[in-house]
């Protein structure tokens, strides 16, 4: 699927963690698509959202190996990017995540990411996890299936 087709009628886009890892660590298969998505977010064409869980997930490896530069790149992207909002996980999102886990047999992190996206009114979530397709409340955009 072409990126333009994937993003039709998407003005609020939620994110799972993997797309940010692919972008920051310049994964050869995904970096070009992610670069274009980030460009659209930066231009204001799309508002984007993720949960605070994303920060936990992306910082774990750099902290483990002592890579302060990589930590800084992730913080800059997630905490200081125009058009991107990192949402706290409070009681409302946690309860919605529990509902999603119960209905779709999701893992807790996946349920929290989707609940955060839904709380922000996202029409879609970008991921590379095909298991999330079980969720009906928003469109699930799988990076493996998107090209420029």
Protein backbone atom coordinates (compact mmCIF):
# COMPACT_ATOMS: atom_id res chain seq x y z
CA UNK A 1 0.00 0.00 0.00
CA UNK A 2 1.25 3.49 -0.82
CA UNK A 3 1.83 5.85 2.10
CA UNK A 4 -0.62 8.38 0.64
CA UNK A 5 -3.33 5.72 0.57
CA UNK A 6 -2.52 4.55 4.10
CA UNK A 7 -2.88 8.09 5.44
CA UNK A 8 -6.12 9.04 3.65
CA UNK A 9 -8.40 10.84 6.14
CA UNK A 10 -5.82 10.52 8.92
CA UNK A 11 -5.33 13.81 10.75
CA UNK A 12 -4.41 12.23 14.10
CA UNK A 13 -1.96 9.35 13.99
CA UNK A 14 -1.02 7.18 16.95
CA UNK A 15 2.30 5.40 17.17
CA UNK A 16 3.55 2.14 18.53
CA UNK A 17 7.22 2.15 19.57
CA UNK A 18 8.85 0.28 16.68
CA UNK A 19 8.41 3.03 14.04
CA UNK A 20 10.41 5.45 16.18
CA UNK A 21 13.19 2.91 16.62
CA UNK A 22 13.30 2.37 12.86
CA UNK A 23 13.49 6.11 12.26
CA UNK A 24 16.10 7.03 14.88
CA UNK A 25 18.27 3.97 14.24
CA UNK A 26 17.84 4.41 10.46
CA UNK A 27 16.58 0.93 9.67
CA UNK A 28 17.20 0.55 5.91
CA UNK A 29 13.81 -1.01 5.19
CA UNK A 30 11.71 1.60 7.02
CA UNK A 31 13.65 4.84 7.38
CA UNK A 32 12.45 6.42 4.12
CA UNK A 33 8.77 5.85 4.88
CA UNK A 34 9.25 7.06 8.44
CA UNK A 35 11.18 10.11 7.25
CA UNK A 36 8.19 11.05 5.08
CA UNK A 37 5.72 10.44 7.91
CA UNK A 38 7.81 12.61 10.24
CA UNK A 39 8.00 15.31 7.55
CA UNK A 40 4.19 15.39 7.35
CA UNK A 41 3.93 15.59 11.12
CA UNK A 42 6.52 18.36 11.25
CA UNK A 43 4.64 20.30 8.54
CA UNK A 44 1.43 20.14 10.55
CA UNK A 45 -0.43 17.93 8.07
CA UNK A 46 -0.80 15.22 10.73
CA UNK A 47 -0.88 15.45 14.52
CA UNK A 48 0.74 12.47 16.16
CA UNK A 49 0.49 10.81 19.55
CA UNK A 50 2.14 8.10 21.58
CA UNK A 51 2.04 6.96 25.17
CA UNK A 52 4.74 7.60 27.75
CA UNK A 53 5.42 3.86 27.52
CA UNK A 54 7.20 4.62 24.24
CA UNK A 55 9.84 6.57 26.12
CA UNK A 56 10.43 3.59 28.42
CA UNK A 57 10.73 1.21 25.50
CA UNK A 58 13.08 3.31 23.34
CA UNK A 59 15.42 4.34 26.16
CA UNK A 60 16.00 0.84 27.55
CA UNK A 61 18.62 -0.30 25.01
CA UNK A 62 20.63 2.96 24.94
CA UNK A 63 20.69 3.01 28.75
CA UNK A 64 21.76 -0.64 28.88
CA UNK A 65 24.71 -0.04 26.54
CA UNK A 66 25.53 3.47 27.79
CA UNK A 67 24.72 5.28 24.52
CA UNK A 68 23.91 8.82 25.72
CA UNK A 69 23.80 10.16 22.15
CA UNK A 70 21.07 7.70 21.16
CA UNK A 71 19.16 8.47 24.38
CA UNK A 72 19.31 12.16 23.47
CA UNK A 73 18.05 11.52 19.92
CA UNK A 74 15.04 9.62 21.26
CA UNK A 75 14.27 12.31 23.85
CA UNK A 76 14.51 15.06 21.23
CA UNK A 77 12.13 13.24 18.91
CA UNK A 78 9.58 12.21 21.53
CA UNK A 79 9.68 15.20 23.86
CA UNK A 80 10.53 18.15 21.64
CA UNK A 81 9.08 17.46 18.19
CA UNK A 82 6.51 19.81 16.75
CA UNK A 83 3.29 17.93 16.07
CA UNK A 84 4.00 15.02 18.39
CA UNK A 85 2.45 14.59 21.82
CA UNK A 86 3.58 12.00 24.34
CA UNK A 87 0.55 11.15 26.48
CA UNK A 88 0.79 10.19 30.16
CA UNK A 89 -0.72 6.88 31.15
CA UNK A 90 -3.35 7.75 33.70
CA UNK A 91 -6.37 5.92 35.03
CA UNK A 92 -8.56 6.57 31.96
CA UNK A 93 -6.01 5.17 29.50
CA UNK A 94 -5.17 2.29 31.84
CA UNK A 95 -8.83 1.30 32.11
CA UNK A 96 -9.37 1.55 28.36
CA UNK A 97 -6.27 -0.60 27.89
CA UNK A 98 -7.75 -3.22 30.21
CA UNK A 99 -10.91 -3.23 28.11
CA UNK A 100 -8.87 -3.65 24.92
CA UNK A 101 -6.84 -6.48 26.51
CA UNK A 102 -10.01 -8.25 27.56
CA UNK A 103 -11.70 -7.94 24.16
CA UNK A 104 -8.73 -8.53 21.84
CA UNK A 105 -6.28 -10.57 23.96
CA UNK A 106 -3.58 -7.91 23.54
CA UNK A 107 -0.35 -7.64 25.48
CA UNK A 108 -0.38 -4.83 28.04
CA UNK A 109 2.06 -2.55 26.15
CA UNK A 110 0.07 -2.88 22.93
CA UNK A 111 -3.20 -2.19 24.72
CA UNK A 112 -1.71 0.91 26.36
CA UNK A 113 -0.43 2.25 23.03
CA UNK A 114 -3.81 1.78 21.38
CA UNK A 115 -5.71 3.21 24.35
CA UNK A 116 -3.49 6.30 24.25
CA UNK A 117 -4.13 6.72 20.52
CA UNK A 118 -7.87 6.33 21.02
CA UNK A 119 -7.86 8.83 23.88
CA UNK A 120 -6.33 11.39 21.50
CA UNK A 121 -8.97 10.71 18.84
CA UNK A 122 -6.56 9.05 16.40
CA UNK A 123 -8.01 7.56 13.26
CA UNK A 124 -5.04 5.20 12.86
CA UNK A 125 -2.00 3.80 14.62
CA UNK A 126 1.36 3.08 12.97
CA UNK A 127 3.06 -0.13 14.02
CA UNK A 128 4.80 -3.13 12.60
CA UNK A 129 2.81 -5.58 14.70
CA UNK A 130 0.22 -7.39 12.58
CA UNK A 131 -1.42 -8.78 15.74
CA UNK A 132 -2.86 -5.33 16.39
CA UNK A 133 -5.11 -5.76 13.35
CA UNK A 134 -7.60 -7.47 15.66
CA UNK A 135 -8.54 -4.04 16.99
CA UNK A 136 -11.52 -2.48 15.24
CA UNK A 137 -11.62 0.96 16.88
CA UNK A 138 -8.99 2.48 14.58
CA UNK A 139 -7.08 1.69 11.41
CA UNK A 140 -3.87 -0.27 11.99
CA UNK A 141 -1.09 0.75 9.60
CA UNK A 142 1.62 -1.92 9.39
CA UNK A 143 4.94 -0.51 8.19
CA UNK A 144 5.89 -3.74 6.41
CA UNK A 145 2.96 -3.11 4.08
CA UNK A 146 3.60 0.58 3.34
CA UNK A 147 5.82 2.05 0.65
CA UNK A 148 6.43 5.55 -0.68
